[in-house]
PDB file of N, CA and C in Angstrom:
ATOM      1  N   MET A   1       4.066  -4.773 -14.642  1.00  0.00           N
ATOM      2  CA  MET A   1       5.551  -4.899 -14.972  1.00  0.00           C
ATOM      3  C   MET A   1       5.837  -6.411 -15.148  1.00  0.00           C
ATOM      4  N   VAL A   2       6.466  -6.540 -16.138  1.00  0.00           N
ATOM      5  CA  VAL A   2       6.957  -8.087 -16.423  1.00  0.00           C
ATOM      6  C   VAL A   2       8.440  -8.315 -16.176  1.00  0.00           C
ATOM      7  N   ILE A   3       8.760  -9.222 -15.473  1.00  0.00           N
ATOM      8  CA  ILE A   3      10.135  -9.544 -15.049  1.00  0.00           C
ATOM      9  C   ILE A   3      10.618 -10.920 -15.604  1.00  0.00           C
ATOM     10  N   ASP A   4      11.584 -11.023 -16.317  1.00  0.00           N
ATOM     11  CA  ASP A   4      12.202 -12.363 -16.850  1.00  0.00           C
ATOM     12  C   ASP A   4      12.946 -13.003 -15.656  1.00  0.00           C
ATOM     13  N   LEU A   5      12.519 -14.028 -14.930  1.00  0.00           N
ATOM     14  CA  LEU A   5      13.078 -14.489 -13.783  1.00  0.00           C
ATOM     15  C   LEU A   5      14.259 -15.296 -14.166  1.00  0.00           C
ATOM     16  N   ASP A   6      14.463 -15.702 -15.355  1.00  0.00           N
ATOM     17  CA  ASP A   6      15.676 -16.454 -15.838  1.00  0.00           C
ATOM     18  C   ASP A   6      16.889 -15.500 -15.682  1.00  0.00           C
ATOM     19  N   LYS A   7      16.623 -14.159 -15.819  1.00  0.00           N
ATOM     20  CA  LYS A   7      17.642 -13.180 -15.838  1.00  0.00           C
ATOM     21  C   LYS A   7      17.810 -12.474 -14.474  1.00  0.00           C
ATOM     22  N   CYS A   8      16.866 -12.855 -13.586  1.00  0.00           N
ATOM     23  CA  CYS A   8      16.891 -12.193 -12.172  1.00  0.00           C
ATOM     24  C   CYS A   8      18.087 -12.531 -11.435  1.00  0.00           C
ATOM     25  N   THR A   9      18.723 -11.458 -10.857  1.00  0.00           N
ATOM     26  CA  THR A   9      19.945 -11.745 -10.057  1.00  0.00           C
ATOM     27  C   THR A   9      19.666 -11.409  -8.495  1.00  0.00           C
ATOM     28  N   GLY A  10      18.406 -10.968  -8.244  1.00  0.00           N
ATOM     29  CA  GLY A  10      18.076 -10.615  -6.953  1.00  0.00           C
ATOM     30  C   GLY A  10      18.433  -9.211  -6.483  1.00  0.00           C
ATOM     31  N   CYS A  11      18.739  -8.278  -7.462  1.00  0.00           N
ATOM     32  CA  CYS A  11      19.312  -7.009  -7.129  1.00  0.00           C
ATOM     33  C   CYS A  11      18.188  -5.940  -6.502  1.00  0.00           C
ATOM     34  N   SER A  12      17.030  -6.306  -6.707  1.00  0.00           N
ATOM     35  CA  SER A  12      15.822  -5.627  -6.193  1.00  0.00           C
ATOM     36  C   SER A  12      15.678  -4.123  -7.048  1.00  0.00           C
ATOM     37  N   ALA A  13      16.283  -4.205  -8.289  1.00  0.00           N
ATOM     38  CA  ALA A  13      16.082  -3.025  -9.182  1.00  0.00           C
ATOM     39  C   ALA A  13      14.654  -2.920  -9.584  1.00  0.00           C
ATOM     40  N   CYS A  14      13.958  -4.027  -9.797  1.00  0.00           N
ATOM     41  CA  CYS A  14      12.595  -4.011 -10.175  1.00  0.00           C
ATOM     42  C   CYS A  14      11.735  -3.328  -8.994  1.00  0.00           C
ATOM     43  N   SER A  15      11.905  -3.671  -7.777  1.00  0.00           N
ATOM     44  CA  SER A  15      11.269  -2.982  -6.723  1.00  0.00           C
ATOM     45  C   SER A  15      11.554  -1.430  -6.609  1.00  0.00           C
ATOM     46  N   THR A  16      12.715  -1.042  -6.882  1.00  0.00           N
ATOM     47  CA  THR A  16      13.094   0.235  -6.896  1.00  0.00           C
ATOM     48  C   THR A  16      12.504   1.070  -8.024  1.00  0.00           C
ATOM     49  N   ALA A  17      12.412   0.441  -9.243  1.00  0.00           N
ATOM     50  CA  ALA A  17      11.799   0.988 -10.442  1.00  0.00           C
ATOM     51  C   ALA A  17      10.214   1.093 -10.078  1.00  0.00           C
ATOM     52  N   CYS A  18       9.690   0.145  -9.436  1.00  0.00           N
ATOM     53  CA  CYS A  18       8.257   0.250  -9.116  1.00  0.00           C
ATOM     54  C   CYS A  18       7.963   1.516  -8.189  1.00  0.00           C
ATOM     55  N   GLN A  19       8.914   1.601  -7.222  1.00  0.00           N
ATOM     56  CA  GLN A  19       8.640   2.619  -6.308  1.00  0.00           C
ATOM     57  C   GLN A  19       8.789   4.065  -7.025  1.00  0.00           C
ATOM     58  N   ALA A  20       9.801   4.210  -7.837  1.00  0.00           N
ATOM     59  CA  ALA A  20       9.973   5.385  -8.598  1.00  0.00           C
ATOM     60  C   ALA A  20       8.860   5.689  -9.469  1.00  0.00           C
ATOM     61  N   GLU A  21       8.206   4.754 -10.072  1.00  0.00           N
ATOM     62  CA  GLU A  21       7.255   4.858 -11.208  1.00  0.00           C
ATOM     63  C   GLU A  21       5.931   5.163 -10.458  1.00  0.00           C
ATOM     64  N   ASN A  22       5.677   4.709  -9.161  1.00  0.00           N
ATOM     65  CA  ASN A  22       4.395   5.077  -8.441  1.00  0.00           C
ATOM     66  C   ASN A  22       4.758   6.079  -7.351  1.00  0.00           C
ATOM     67  N   ASN A  23       5.808   6.832  -7.471  1.00  0.00           N
ATOM     68  CA  ASN A  23       6.076   8.011  -6.530  1.00  0.00           C
ATOM     69  C   ASN A  23       5.944   7.598  -5.036  1.00  0.00           C
ATOM     70  N   ILE A  24       6.560   6.514  -4.757  1.00  0.00           N
ATOM     71  CA  ILE A  24       6.554   6.014  -3.493  1.00  0.00           C
ATOM     72  C   ILE A  24       7.917   6.330  -2.810  1.00  0.00           C
ATOM     73  N   SER A  25       8.090   6.794  -1.640  1.00  0.00           N
ATOM     74  CA  SER A  25       9.427   7.307  -1.101  1.00  0.00           C
ATOM     75  C   SER A  25      10.187   5.914  -0.906  1.00  0.00           C
ATOM     76  N   PHE A  26      11.550   6.012  -0.869  1.00  0.00           N
ATOM     77  CA  PHE A  26      12.482   4.976  -0.650  1.00  0.00           C
ATOM     78  C   PHE A  26      12.736   4.684   0.822  1.00  0.00           C
ATOM     79  N   GLY A  27      12.492   5.660   1.510  1.00  0.00           N
ATOM     80  CA  GLY A  27      12.890   5.544   3.087  1.00  0.00           C
ATOM     81  C   GLY A  27      11.636   5.674   3.877  1.00  0.00           C
ATOM     82  N   PRO A  28      11.824   5.605   5.128  1.00  0.00           N
ATOM     83  CA  PRO A  28      10.716   5.788   6.071  1.00  0.00           C
ATOM     84  C   PRO A  28      10.164   7.283   5.975  1.00  0.00           C
ATOM     85  N   ASP A  29       8.976   7.416   5.629  1.00  0.00           N
ATOM     86  CA  ASP A  29       8.362   8.664   5.385  1.00  0.00           C
ATOM     87  C   ASP A  29       6.842   8.701   5.650  1.00  0.00           C
ATOM     88  N   ASP A  30       6.389   9.399   6.557  1.00  0.00           N
ATOM     89  CA  ASP A  30       5.121   9.431   7.164  1.00  0.00           C
ATOM     90  C   ASP A  30       4.059   9.920   5.963  1.00  0.00           C
ATOM     91  N   SER A  31       4.542  10.634   4.919  1.00  0.00           N
ATOM     92  CA  SER A  31       3.634  11.285   4.012  1.00  0.00           C
ATOM     93  C   SER A  31       2.984  10.244   3.005  1.00  0.00           C
ATOM     94  N   ASN A  32       3.509   9.046   3.033  1.00  0.00           N
ATOM     95  CA  ASN A  32       2.972   7.896   2.187  1.00  0.00           C
ATOM     96  C   ASN A  32       2.328   6.641   3.130  1.00  0.00           C
ATOM     97  N   LYS A  33       1.763   7.011   4.180  1.00  0.00           N
ATOM     98  CA  LYS A  33       1.215   6.006   4.951  1.00  0.00           C
ATOM     99  C   LYS A  33       0.253   5.042   4.310  1.00  0.00           C
ATOM    100  N   LEU A  34      -0.451   5.572   3.429  1.00  0.00           N
ATOM    101  CA  LEU A  34      -1.549   4.671   2.812  1.00  0.00           C
ATOM    102  C   LEU A  34      -1.029   3.981   1.463  1.00  0.00           C
ATOM    103  N   ARG A  35       0.178   4.419   1.143  1.00  0.00           N
ATOM    104  CA  ARG A  35       0.775   3.791  -0.091  1.00  0.00           C
ATOM    105  C   ARG A  35       2.105   3.072   0.215  1.00  0.00           C
ATOM    106  N   SER A  36       2.095   1.804  -0.155  1.00  0.00           N
ATOM    107  CA  SER A  36       3.286   1.079   0.004  1.00  0.00           C
ATOM    108  C   SER A  36       3.551   0.047  -0.930  1.00  0.00           C
ATOM    109  N   ILE A  37       4.702  -0.513  -0.981  1.00  0.00           N
ATOM    110  CA  ILE A  37       5.065  -1.629  -1.928  1.00  0.00           C
ATOM    111  C   ILE A  37       4.714  -3.016  -1.201  1.00  0.00           C
ATOM    112  N   ALA A  38       3.963  -3.878  -1.889  1.00  0.00           N
ATOM    113  CA  ALA A  38       3.586  -5.134  -1.366  1.00  0.00           C
ATOM    114  C   ALA A  38       4.467  -6.205  -1.990  1.00  0.00           C
ATOM    115  N   TRP A  39       4.619  -7.364  -1.473  1.00  0.00           N
ATOM    116  CA  TRP A  39       5.287  -8.375  -2.107  1.00  0.00           C
ATOM    117  C   TRP A  39       4.716  -8.669  -3.473  1.00  0.00           C
ATOM    118  N   MET A  40       5.634  -9.084  -4.416  1.00  0.00           N
ATOM    119  CA  MET A  40       5.222  -9.387  -5.656  1.00  0.00           C
ATOM    120  C   MET A  40       4.884 -10.752  -5.829  1.00  0.00           C
ATOM    121  N   SER A  41       3.770 -11.087  -6.581  1.00  0.00           N
ATOM    122  CA  SER A  41       3.309 -12.456  -6.879  1.00  0.00           C
ATOM    123  C   SER A  41       4.250 -12.966  -8.096  1.00  0.00           C
ATOM    124  N   ILE A  42       4.701 -14.236  -8.034  1.00  0.00           N
ATOM    125  CA  ILE A  42       5.582 -14.657  -9.039  1.00  0.00           C
ATOM    126  C   ILE A  42       4.882 -15.910  -9.723  1.00  0.00           C
ATOM    127  N   PHE A  43       4.486 -15.939 -11.092  1.00  0.00           N
ATOM    128  CA  PHE A  43       3.715 -16.927 -11.565  1.00  0.00           C
ATOM    129  C   PHE A  43       4.707 -17.638 -12.639  1.00  0.00           C
ATOM    130  N   GLN A  44       4.758 -19.012 -12.794  1.00  0.00           N
ATOM    131  CA  GLN A  44       5.414 -19.490 -13.846  1.00  0.00           C
ATOM    132  C   GLN A  44       4.539 -19.513 -15.150  1.00  0.00           C
ATOM    133  N   LEU A  45       5.228 -19.196 -16.298  1.00  0.00           N
ATOM    134  CA  LEU A  45       4.415 -19.309 -17.489  1.00  0.00           C
ATOM    135  C   LEU A  45       4.828 -20.417 -18.328  1.00  0.00           C
TER     136      LEU A  45
END
């Protein structure tokens, strides 16, 4: 996923979209113990 940081408002919609795309639950759920969202690396281009 590519995110334009110049347009980022910090709303976390990208994290929510990533969770939805990868079928990861949004709340505390034991069924996904081995799958989780990690911090995103941000690189300047």
